[in-house]
Amino acid sequence: MSLARDFRDLKERLGRMRVGFTYEGKPVYAEDLQAVGAMAALLRQAFLPNLVQTAEGSPAFVHMGPFGNIAHGTNSLRASLFALGLADYVVQEVGFATDLGLEKFMNVVARTTGLVPEAVVLVATVRALRYHGGQDAYEMPDPKAVKEGLANLEKHVENVELFGYKPRSP
């Protein structure tokens, strides 16, 4: 459902779902059982993205998370297409860092949908750098741990570069 462009696409995807095998070992699909209509009816309302407001008052589409997006690590394609139809630019959060989220976005979402980001923004906090430098979150802040944690950030920058994006400082 997360990668469906429209309701027709959703129904086609549902029909291709393998639900079992015959005694002869041949795959059985939802379409073979004529279950697509019922499945689509159950998902009709869930297919519509949710428009919410951030704490800053900005509109945001929230759809297929937090667990519906594990396969590709981001919002649904439907929500992205809605947003792109309403705004000059869209910020798409891709969770699970660059080694999972960005990789899934670029290799699954971008390849199957044609949506390719204009830019990639890495978010790193001092707290995260300390943690990756070996310091527990409840200890007194240690600048040495922050410095050691930069190796983790450098790896994420390298991952972004592997997809052809050049880093810039703010």
N, C-alpha and C. Protein backbone atom coordinates (compact mmCIF):
# COMPACT_ATOMS: atom_id res chain seq x y z
N MET A 1 0.83 -1.19 0.00
CA MET A 1 0.00 0.00 0.00
C MET A 1 0.87 1.26 0.00
N SER A 2 2.01 1.21 0.64
CA SER A 2 2.85 2.40 0.76
C SER A 2 3.40 2.89 -0.56
N LEU A 3 3.57 2.00 -1.53
CA LEU A 3 4.14 2.41 -2.81
C LEU A 3 3.11 2.55 -3.92
N ALA A 4 1.83 2.44 -3.60
CA ALA A 4 0.78 2.56 -4.61
C ALA A 4 0.55 4.02 -4.97
N ARG A 5 0.48 4.31 -6.28
CA ARG A 5 0.25 5.68 -6.76
C ARG A 5 -1.20 6.12 -6.58
N ASP A 6 -2.12 5.20 -6.81
CA ASP A 6 -3.54 5.52 -6.72
C ASP A 6 -4.28 4.24 -6.34
N PHE A 7 -5.60 4.34 -6.25
CA PHE A 7 -6.39 3.19 -5.78
C PHE A 7 -6.33 2.03 -6.78
N ARG A 8 -6.29 2.34 -8.05
CA ARG A 8 -6.19 1.29 -9.07
C ARG A 8 -4.85 0.54 -8.91
N ASP A 9 -3.79 1.29 -8.70
CA ASP A 9 -2.46 0.68 -8.49
C ASP A 9 -2.48 -0.18 -7.23
N LEU A 10 -3.15 0.30 -6.18
CA LEU A 10 -3.26 -0.48 -4.95
C LEU A 10 -3.94 -1.82 -5.22
N LYS A 11 -5.02 -1.80 -5.97
CA LYS A 11 -5.75 -3.03 -6.26
C LYS A 11 -4.88 -4.00 -7.08
N GLU A 12 -4.11 -3.46 -8.01
CA GLU A 12 -3.22 -4.32 -8.80
C GLU A 12 -2.16 -4.96 -7.90
N ARG A 13 -1.62 -4.17 -6.98
CA ARG A 13 -0.61 -4.68 -6.05
C ARG A 13 -1.21 -5.75 -5.12
N LEU A 14 -2.42 -5.50 -4.65
CA LEU A 14 -3.09 -6.48 -3.80
C LEU A 14 -3.29 -7.80 -4.55
N GLY A 15 -3.68 -7.70 -5.79
CA GLY A 15 -3.91 -8.90 -6.60
C GLY A 15 -2.66 -9.74 -6.79
N ARG A 16 -1.49 -9.09 -6.77
CA ARG A 16 -0.22 -9.80 -6.96
C ARG A 16 0.34 -10.40 -5.66
N MET A 17 -0.38 -10.21 -4.57
CA MET A 17 0.09 -10.77 -3.29
C MET A 17 -0.05 -12.29 -3.30
N ARG A 18 1.04 -12.98 -3.04
CA ARG A 18 0.98 -14.43 -2.96
C ARG A 18 0.45 -14.80 -1.58
N VAL A 19 -0.60 -15.61 -1.57
CA VAL A 19 -1.24 -15.96 -0.30
C VAL A 19 -1.05 -17.43 0.07
N GLY A 20 -0.48 -18.20 -0.83
CA GLY A 20 -0.26 -19.61 -0.53
C GLY A 20 0.19 -20.37 -1.76
N PHE A 21 0.12 -21.70 -1.65
CA PHE A 21 0.53 -22.58 -2.75
C PHE A 21 -0.50 -23.69 -2.91
N THR A 22 -0.62 -24.19 -4.13
CA THR A 22 -1.48 -25.34 -4.37
C THR A 22 -0.76 -26.59 -3.89
N TYR A 23 -1.46 -27.71 -3.88
CA TYR A 23 -0.82 -28.97 -3.49
C TYR A 23 0.31 -29.33 -4.46
N GLU A 24 0.24 -28.80 -5.67
CA GLU A 24 1.29 -29.06 -6.66
C GLU A 24 2.46 -28.09 -6.52
N GLY A 25 2.37 -27.17 -5.58
CA GLY A 25 3.46 -26.22 -5.34
C GLY A 25 3.39 -24.95 -6.17
N LYS A 26 2.29 -24.72 -6.88
CA LYS A 26 2.14 -23.50 -7.67
C LYS A 26 1.62 -22.38 -6.76
N PRO A 27 2.13 -21.16 -6.97
CA PRO A 27 1.68 -20.05 -6.13
C PRO A 27 0.22 -19.69 -6.37
N VAL A 28 -0.44 -19.27 -5.30
CA VAL A 28 -1.81 -18.78 -5.36
C VAL A 28 -1.77 -17.31 -4.96
N TYR A 29 -2.39 -16.47 -5.78
CA TYR A 29 -2.39 -15.04 -5.54
C TYR A 29 -3.79 -14.58 -5.10
N ALA A 30 -3.86 -13.44 -4.45
CA ALA A 30 -5.14 -12.89 -3.99
C ALA A 30 -6.10 -12.74 -5.15
N GLU A 31 -5.59 -12.38 -6.31
CA GLU A 31 -6.41 -12.24 -7.51
C GLU A 31 -7.08 -13.57 -7.89
N ASP A 32 -6.35 -14.68 -7.71
CA ASP A 32 -6.90 -16.00 -8.02
C ASP A 32 -8.10 -16.33 -7.13
N LEU A 33 -8.10 -15.82 -5.93
CA LEU A 33 -9.18 -16.09 -4.97
C LEU A 33 -10.31 -15.07 -5.07
N GLN A 34 -10.17 -14.13 -5.99
CA GLN A 34 -11.13 -13.04 -6.15
C GLN A 34 -11.34 -12.29 -4.84
N ALA A 35 -10.22 -12.05 -4.16
CA ALA A 35 -10.26 -11.38 -2.86
C ALA A 35 -9.88 -9.91 -2.94
N VAL A 36 -9.48 -9.44 -4.12
CA VAL A 36 -8.96 -8.07 -4.24
C VAL A 36 -10.01 -7.03 -3.89
N GLY A 37 -11.24 -7.19 -4.33
CA GLY A 37 -12.29 -6.21 -4.03
C GLY A 37 -12.52 -6.06 -2.54
N ALA A 38 -12.59 -7.17 -1.83
CA ALA A 38 -12.81 -7.13 -0.39
C ALA A 38 -11.60 -6.51 0.33
N MET A 39 -10.42 -6.88 -0.12
CA MET A 39 -9.21 -6.32 0.49
C MET A 39 -9.15 -4.81 0.27
N ALA A 40 -9.45 -4.38 -0.95
CA ALA A 40 -9.42 -2.95 -1.27
C ALA A 40 -10.49 -2.20 -0.47
N ALA A 41 -11.64 -2.79 -0.30
CA ALA A 41 -12.70 -2.13 0.48
C ALA A 41 -12.26 -1.90 1.93
N LEU A 42 -11.56 -2.87 2.48
CA LEU A 42 -11.06 -2.72 3.85
C LEU A 42 -10.00 -1.63 3.96
N LEU A 43 -9.25 -1.42 2.88
CA LEU A 43 -8.14 -0.46 2.90
C LEU A 43 -8.52 0.92 2.36
N ARG A 44 -9.74 1.10 1.87
CA ARG A 44 -10.12 2.36 1.22
C ARG A 44 -9.82 3.58 2.08
N GLN A 45 -10.25 3.58 3.32
CA GLN A 45 -10.01 4.74 4.19
C GLN A 45 -8.55 4.83 4.62
N ALA A 46 -7.93 3.69 4.86
CA ALA A 46 -6.53 3.69 5.28
C ALA A 46 -5.60 4.19 4.18
N PHE A 47 -6.05 4.13 2.93
CA PHE A 47 -5.24 4.57 1.80
C PHE A 47 -5.12 6.09 1.73
N LEU A 48 -5.99 6.81 2.44
CA LEU A 48 -5.97 8.27 2.42
C LEU A 48 -4.98 8.80 3.45
N PRO A 49 -4.00 9.60 3.02
CA PRO A 49 -3.03 10.17 3.97
C PRO A 49 -3.70 11.09 4.99
N ASN A 50 -3.08 11.22 6.13
CA ASN A 50 -3.58 12.09 7.20
C ASN A 50 -2.87 13.43 7.12
N LEU A 51 -3.63 14.50 7.07
CA LEU A 51 -3.08 15.84 7.11
C LEU A 51 -3.07 16.29 8.57
N VAL A 52 -1.88 16.60 9.06
CA VAL A 52 -1.73 17.03 10.45
C VAL A 52 -0.98 18.36 10.48
N GLN A 53 -0.87 18.92 11.66
CA GLN A 53 -0.16 20.18 11.83
C GLN A 53 1.00 19.97 12.78
N THR A 54 2.17 20.46 12.41
CA THR A 54 3.34 20.34 13.29
C THR A 54 3.20 21.32 14.45
N ALA A 55 4.07 21.20 15.43
CA ALA A 55 4.06 22.12 16.58
C ALA A 55 4.31 23.56 16.13
N GLU A 56 5.00 23.74 15.00
CA GLU A 56 5.28 25.07 14.47
C GLU A 56 4.15 25.60 13.61
N GLY A 57 3.12 24.78 13.37
CA GLY A 57 1.98 25.22 12.58
C GLY A 57 2.05 24.87 11.11
N SER A 58 3.05 24.13 10.70
CA SER A 58 3.18 23.74 9.29
C SER A 58 2.35 22.49 9.01
N PRO A 59 1.81 22.41 7.80
CA PRO A 59 1.07 21.19 7.45
C PRO A 59 2.03 20.04 7.18
N ALA A 60 1.59 18.83 7.48
CA ALA A 60 2.40 17.64 7.22
C ALA A 60 1.47 16.47 6.92
N PHE A 61 1.88 15.67 5.97
CA PHE A 61 1.15 14.43 5.70
C PHE A 61 1.84 13.31 6.46
N VAL A 62 1.07 12.53 7.18
CA VAL A 62 1.59 11.39 7.92
C VAL A 62 0.81 10.18 7.43
N HIS A 63 1.54 9.21 6.88
CA HIS A 63 0.86 8.06 6.30
C HIS A 63 1.78 6.86 6.27
N MET A 64 1.29 5.74 6.74
CA MET A 64 1.98 4.46 6.70
C MET A 64 3.14 4.38 7.70
N GLY A 65 3.06 5.06 8.77
CA GLY A 65 4.10 4.95 9.78
C GLY A 65 3.46 4.74 11.13
N PRO A 66 4.20 4.37 12.11
CA PRO A 66 5.62 4.09 12.05
C PRO A 66 5.97 2.70 11.55
N PHE A 67 5.02 1.77 11.49
CA PHE A 67 5.39 0.41 11.11
C PHE A 67 5.01 0.04 9.69
N GLY A 68 4.11 0.78 9.08
CA GLY A 68 3.73 0.50 7.71
C GLY A 68 4.82 0.85 6.72
N ASN A 69 5.83 1.57 7.18
CA ASN A 69 6.88 2.01 6.28
C ASN A 69 8.20 1.29 6.49
N ILE A 70 8.22 0.23 7.25
CA ILE A 70 9.47 -0.48 7.53
C ILE A 70 10.14 -0.96 6.24
N ALA A 71 9.34 -1.38 5.27
CA ALA A 71 9.90 -1.92 4.03
C ALA A 71 10.67 -0.87 3.24
N HIS A 72 10.27 0.38 3.33
CA HIS A 72 10.98 1.40 2.56
C HIS A 72 11.37 2.63 3.36
N GLY A 73 11.08 2.68 4.62
CA GLY A 73 11.63 3.67 5.54
C GLY A 73 11.12 5.09 5.43
N THR A 74 9.99 5.32 4.80
CA THR A 74 9.51 6.69 4.68
C THR A 74 7.99 6.72 4.52
N ASN A 75 7.47 7.90 4.34
CA ASN A 75 6.05 8.12 4.14
C ASN A 75 5.55 7.37 2.90
N SER A 76 4.26 7.28 2.74
CA SER A 76 3.71 6.60 1.56
C SER A 76 3.90 7.46 0.31
N LEU A 77 3.94 6.81 -0.82
CA LEU A 77 4.03 7.51 -2.09
C LEU A 77 2.81 8.41 -2.26
N ARG A 78 1.65 7.93 -1.87
CA ARG A 78 0.41 8.70 -1.99
C ARG A 78 0.53 10.03 -1.25
N ALA A 79 1.04 10.01 -0.04
CA ALA A 79 1.22 11.24 0.74
C ALA A 79 2.22 12.17 0.06
N SER A 80 3.29 11.60 -0.46
CA SER A 80 4.30 12.42 -1.16
C SER A 80 3.69 13.08 -2.39
N LEU A 81 2.91 12.33 -3.16
CA LEU A 81 2.29 12.90 -4.36
C LEU A 81 1.27 14.00 -4.01
N PHE A 82 0.51 13.78 -2.93
CA PHE A 82 -0.40 14.84 -2.46
C PHE A 82 0.40 16.10 -2.14
N ALA A 83 1.45 15.93 -1.36
CA ALA A 83 2.26 17.07 -0.93
C ALA A 83 2.88 17.78 -2.13
N LEU A 84 3.41 17.03 -3.08
CA LEU A 84 4.02 17.64 -4.26
C LEU A 84 3.01 18.40 -5.10
N GLY A 85 1.75 18.00 -5.04
CA GLY A 85 0.71 18.72 -5.76
C GLY A 85 0.27 20.00 -5.08
N LEU A 86 0.67 20.18 -3.83
CA LEU A 86 0.21 21.33 -3.05
C LEU A 86 1.31 22.33 -2.69
N ALA A 87 2.56 21.97 -2.92
CA ALA A 87 3.66 22.82 -2.44
C ALA A 87 4.76 22.93 -3.49
N ASP A 88 5.56 23.97 -3.36
CA ASP A 88 6.70 24.15 -4.26
C ASP A 88 7.82 23.17 -3.97
N TYR A 89 7.96 22.79 -2.70
CA TYR A 89 8.94 21.79 -2.32
C TYR A 89 8.40 20.98 -1.16
N VAL A 90 8.91 19.78 -1.04
CA VAL A 90 8.45 18.86 0.00
C VAL A 90 9.67 18.31 0.73
N VAL A 91 9.61 18.32 2.04
CA VAL A 91 10.66 17.72 2.86
C VAL A 91 10.16 16.33 3.24
N GLN A 92 10.91 15.34 2.86
CA GLN A 92 10.52 13.95 3.12
C GLN A 92 11.47 13.38 4.17
N GLU A 93 10.92 12.99 5.31
CA GLU A 93 11.74 12.38 6.35
C GLU A 93 11.96 10.91 6.00
N VAL A 94 13.22 10.53 6.03
CA VAL A 94 13.58 9.14 5.78
C VAL A 94 14.26 8.65 7.05
N GLY A 95 13.55 7.86 7.83
CA GLY A 95 14.06 7.42 9.11
C GLY A 95 15.08 6.31 9.01
N PHE A 96 15.61 5.93 10.14
CA PHE A 96 16.53 4.81 10.25
C PHE A 96 17.90 5.09 9.67
N ALA A 97 18.34 6.33 9.65
CA ALA A 97 19.69 6.74 9.24
C ALA A 97 19.99 6.47 7.77
N THR A 98 21.21 6.75 7.36
CA THR A 98 21.57 6.60 5.94
C THR A 98 21.84 5.15 5.57
N ASP A 99 22.25 4.35 6.54
CA ASP A 99 22.61 2.97 6.23
C ASP A 99 21.38 2.08 6.10
N LEU A 100 20.21 2.60 6.42
CA LEU A 100 18.99 1.83 6.25
C LEU A 100 17.93 2.70 5.55
N GLY A 101 17.56 3.80 6.15
CA GLY A 101 16.50 4.64 5.60
C GLY A 101 16.82 5.25 4.25
N LEU A 102 17.98 5.91 4.13
CA LEU A 102 18.35 6.51 2.85
C LEU A 102 18.55 5.44 1.80
N GLU A 103 19.19 4.36 2.20
CA GLU A 103 19.43 3.26 1.26
C GLU A 103 18.10 2.71 0.74
N LYS A 104 17.13 2.53 1.62
CA LYS A 104 15.82 2.03 1.19
C LYS A 104 15.11 3.05 0.32
N PHE A 105 15.20 4.32 0.69
CA PHE A 105 14.53 5.34 -0.12
C PHE A 105 15.11 5.36 -1.53
N MET A 106 16.43 5.38 -1.64
CA MET A 106 17.06 5.49 -2.96
C MET A 106 16.89 4.21 -3.78
N ASN A 107 16.99 3.06 -3.15
CA ASN A 107 16.95 1.80 -3.90
C ASN A 107 15.55 1.22 -4.07
N VAL A 108 14.60 1.65 -3.26
CA VAL A 108 13.23 1.16 -3.40
C VAL A 108 12.33 2.28 -3.91
N VAL A 109 12.17 3.33 -3.13
CA VAL A 109 11.22 4.38 -3.48
C VAL A 109 11.62 5.12 -4.75
N ALA A 110 12.85 5.62 -4.80
CA ALA A 110 13.27 6.40 -5.98
C ALA A 110 13.24 5.56 -7.25
N ARG A 111 13.69 4.32 -7.16
CA ARG A 111 13.72 3.48 -8.35
C ARG A 111 12.34 3.07 -8.84
N THR A 112 11.42 2.83 -7.92
CA THR A 112 10.10 2.37 -8.34
C THR A 112 9.13 3.51 -8.65
N THR A 113 9.40 4.71 -8.12
CA THR A 113 8.46 5.80 -8.30
C THR A 113 8.99 6.94 -9.17
N GLY A 114 10.31 7.02 -9.30
CA GLY A 114 10.90 8.13 -10.05
C GLY A 114 11.09 9.39 -9.21
N LEU A 115 10.71 9.34 -7.94
CA LEU A 115 10.92 10.49 -7.06
C LEU A 115 12.36 10.48 -6.55
N VAL A 116 13.15 11.42 -7.03
CA VAL A 116 14.56 11.49 -6.63
C VAL A 116 14.77 12.81 -5.91
N PRO A 117 15.38 12.78 -4.72
CA PRO A 117 15.55 14.02 -3.96
C PRO A 117 16.51 15.00 -4.62
N GLU A 118 16.22 16.26 -4.45
CA GLU A 118 17.12 17.33 -4.91
C GLU A 118 18.28 17.50 -3.95
N ALA A 119 18.05 17.17 -2.69
CA ALA A 119 19.08 17.33 -1.66
C ALA A 119 18.86 16.30 -0.56
N VAL A 120 19.90 16.05 0.19
CA VAL A 120 19.83 15.17 1.36
C VAL A 120 20.34 15.97 2.55
N VAL A 121 19.58 15.94 3.64
CA VAL A 121 19.97 16.64 4.86
C VAL A 121 20.24 15.60 5.94
N LEU A 122 21.43 15.63 6.49
CA LEU A 122 21.76 14.76 7.63
C LEU A 122 21.53 15.53 8.91
N VAL A 123 20.86 14.91 9.85
CA VAL A 123 20.62 15.54 11.15
C VAL A 123 21.42 14.77 12.19
N ALA A 124 22.30 15.48 12.88
CA ALA A 124 23.10 14.85 13.94
C ALA A 124 23.11 15.78 15.15
N THR A 125 22.80 15.25 16.30
CA THR A 125 22.82 16.04 17.53
C THR A 125 24.10 15.75 18.30
N VAL A 126 24.46 16.67 19.16
CA VAL A 126 25.63 16.46 20.02
C VAL A 126 25.39 15.25 20.92
N ARG A 127 24.17 15.10 21.36
CA ARG A 127 23.83 13.94 22.20
C ARG A 127 24.09 12.63 21.46
N ALA A 128 23.70 12.56 20.17
CA ALA A 128 23.94 11.36 19.38
C ALA A 128 25.44 11.14 19.16
N LEU A 129 26.17 12.21 18.91
CA LEU A 129 27.63 12.08 18.72
C LEU A 129 28.28 11.55 19.99
N ARG A 130 27.85 12.05 21.14
CA ARG A 130 28.37 11.56 22.42
C ARG A 130 28.07 10.07 22.57
N TYR A 131 26.85 9.68 22.26
CA TYR A 131 26.46 8.29 22.39
C TYR A 131 27.32 7.40 21.49
N HIS A 132 27.50 7.81 20.24
CA HIS A 132 28.31 7.01 19.31
C HIS A 132 29.80 7.07 19.66
N GLY A 133 30.15 8.03 20.51
CA GLY A 133 31.52 8.10 21.02
C GLY A 133 31.70 7.27 22.28
N GLY A 134 30.67 6.54 22.67
CA GLY A 134 30.77 5.63 23.80
C GLY A 134 30.30 6.18 25.12
N GLN A 135 29.69 7.35 25.14
CA GLN A 135 29.25 7.93 26.40
C GLN A 135 27.77 7.69 26.64
N ASP A 136 27.42 7.27 27.83
CA ASP A 136 26.03 7.07 28.22
C ASP A 136 25.34 8.43 28.27
N ALA A 137 24.07 8.46 27.92
CA ALA A 137 23.32 9.71 27.86
C ALA A 137 23.19 10.38 29.22
N TYR A 138 23.33 9.61 30.31
CA TYR A 138 23.13 10.17 31.64
C TYR A 138 24.42 10.65 32.30
N GLU A 139 25.54 10.47 31.65
CA GLU A 139 26.82 10.94 32.20
C GLU A 139 27.00 12.42 31.88
N MET A 140 27.95 13.05 32.60
CA MET A 140 28.29 14.44 32.30
C MET A 140 28.83 14.51 30.88
N PRO A 141 28.43 15.52 30.10
CA PRO A 141 28.91 15.64 28.73
C PRO A 141 30.44 15.64 28.66
N ASP A 142 30.95 14.87 27.72
CA ASP A 142 32.39 14.73 27.54
C ASP A 142 32.75 15.09 26.09
N PRO A 143 33.45 16.21 25.89
CA PRO A 143 33.82 16.62 24.53
C PRO A 143 34.63 15.55 23.78
N LYS A 144 35.38 14.74 24.51
CA LYS A 144 36.16 13.67 23.88
C LYS A 144 35.22 12.65 23.22
N ALA A 145 34.11 12.34 23.88
CA ALA A 145 33.14 11.39 23.32
C ALA A 145 32.50 11.97 22.05
N VAL A 146 32.25 13.28 22.06
CA VAL A 146 31.69 13.92 20.87
C VAL A 146 32.66 13.76 19.70
N LYS A 147 33.93 14.00 19.97
CA LYS A 147 34.96 13.89 18.92
C LYS A 147 35.04 12.46 18.40
N GLU A 148 34.98 11.49 19.30
CA GLU A 148 35.03 10.09 18.87
C GLU A 148 33.76 9.69 18.11
N GLY A 149 32.65 10.31 18.44
CA GLY A 149 31.40 10.02 17.76
C GLY A 149 31.34 10.57 16.34
N LEU A 150 32.25 11.47 16.02
CA LEU A 150 32.27 12.02 14.66
C LEU A 150 32.57 10.96 13.61
N ALA A 151 33.22 9.87 14.00
CA ALA A 151 33.50 8.78 13.05
C ALA A 151 32.18 8.21 12.51
N ASN A 152 31.16 8.12 13.37
CA ASN A 152 29.87 7.63 12.94
C ASN A 152 29.23 8.60 11.94
N LEU A 153 29.31 9.90 12.23
CA LEU A 153 28.77 10.90 11.32
C LEU A 153 29.50 10.88 9.98
N GLU A 154 30.82 10.72 10.03
CA GLU A 154 31.61 10.64 8.79
C GLU A 154 31.15 9.48 7.92
N LYS A 155 30.81 8.36 8.53
CA LYS A 155 30.32 7.20 7.78
C LYS A 155 28.98 7.52 7.10
N HIS A 156 28.12 8.24 7.79
CA HIS A 156 26.85 8.62 7.20
C HIS A 156 27.05 9.60 6.04
N VAL A 157 28.00 10.51 6.17
CA VAL A 157 28.33 11.42 5.07
C VAL A 157 28.83 10.61 3.88
N GLU A 158 29.67 9.63 4.14
CA GLU A 158 30.17 8.75 3.08
C GLU A 158 29.02 8.02 2.39
N ASN A 159 28.06 7.54 3.17
CA ASN A 159 26.90 6.85 2.60
C ASN A 159 26.11 7.77 1.66
N VAL A 160 25.94 9.03 2.07
CA VAL A 160 25.23 10.00 1.25
C VAL A 160 26.00 10.25 -0.05
N GLU A 161 27.31 10.34 0.05
CA GLU A 161 28.14 10.56 -1.13
C GLU A 161 28.04 9.40 -2.11
N LEU A 162 27.84 8.18 -1.61
CA LEU A 162 27.70 7.01 -2.49
C LEU A 162 26.49 7.13 -3.41
N PHE A 163 25.51 7.95 -3.02
CA PHE A 163 24.34 8.17 -3.86
C PHE A 163 24.48 9.42 -4.72
N GLY A 164 25.68 10.02 -4.72
CA GLY A 164 25.96 11.14 -5.62
C GLY A 164 25.69 12.52 -5.06
N TYR A 165 25.46 12.64 -3.77
CA TYR A 165 25.21 13.94 -3.16
C TYR A 165 26.48 14.45 -2.50
N LYS A 166 26.80 15.72 -2.72
CA LYS A 166 28.00 16.34 -2.16
C LYS A 166 27.63 17.09 -0.88
N PRO A 167 28.35 16.83 0.21
CA PRO A 167 28.03 17.52 1.46
C PRO A 167 28.47 18.98 1.45
N ARG A 168 27.69 19.79 2.16
CA ARG A 168 28.02 21.21 2.36
C ARG A 168 27.76 21.54 3.80
N SER A 169 28.53 22.42 4.35
CA SER A 169 28.29 22.89 5.71
C SER A 169 27.20 23.96 5.66
N PRO A 170 26.42 24.08 6.74
CA PRO A 170 25.36 25.10 6.73
C PRO A 170 25.92 26.50 6.73
